[in-house]
Amino acid sequence: MIESTASVLIRRSTPCDKAAIERLAAANGQRARGASFLLAEVGGTLVAAAPLDARAATIGASTPATADVRELLRRIAKGIRSREAEASLRHAA
């Protein structure tokens, strides 16, 4: 588990993050699907990435140490996708 005093930074990805996201995915036997991600960093290290423009699994190690961070990131990303879909429907109407 990540230390309870560790700071978790959650932010949207930028094009500069692409290589780090791909390395995280490769290190965990996953693929980075999507172009836009919500990222979680602990101590400046990328530990998880959740796609915002694709319904795909959150990228990151499936370990007890990162389970809470991955779940938090997954839930936030799901909420962002829902809000963006609703906004898109309102603009289309």
Foldseek 3Di string as FASTA:
>chain_A
DADPPWDKDKDKDDPVCVVVQQVQQVVAVHGDPEDIWIFIDTPNHTAWIHHLPDPDQIGHHPDPNCVVVSVVRNVVSVVNNVVVVVVVVVVVD
